[in-house]
Amino acid sequence: MTSATANVPTASASRYLQQLCKHWAHKLEVEFTPEAGTVRFPDGLTTLKAGPAALTVTVEAQDAATVERLKQVVASHLDRFAFREAALAFDWA
């Protein structure tokens, strides 16, 4: 299993977590609370944790190419939800 994690600085972490989970809940298996969430893609898993100053996002998949694709999918969706803020900073590690 390959993974990548990013800490995304934002004061709206819980709001973005919930928006993202609700957005995908109609077509994917999703579980969430205001503090944490998981989204099961057919080929990977995304875990979200909301803190007071950042949203921690972890993507996991069987191979590096799928992790890279999921990083882009998650980041692009979060950037759309955060349109009122400047572009969010994803420091993937």
Foldseek 3Di string as FASTA:
>chain_A
DDKKKWWWFDQCQLVLQVVVQVVCVVPFDKDDDSAKIWTDDVFWIWIWGDDRTTIMIMIDGDDPVVNVVVVVVSQVSSQVVVVVDDRIDTPMD
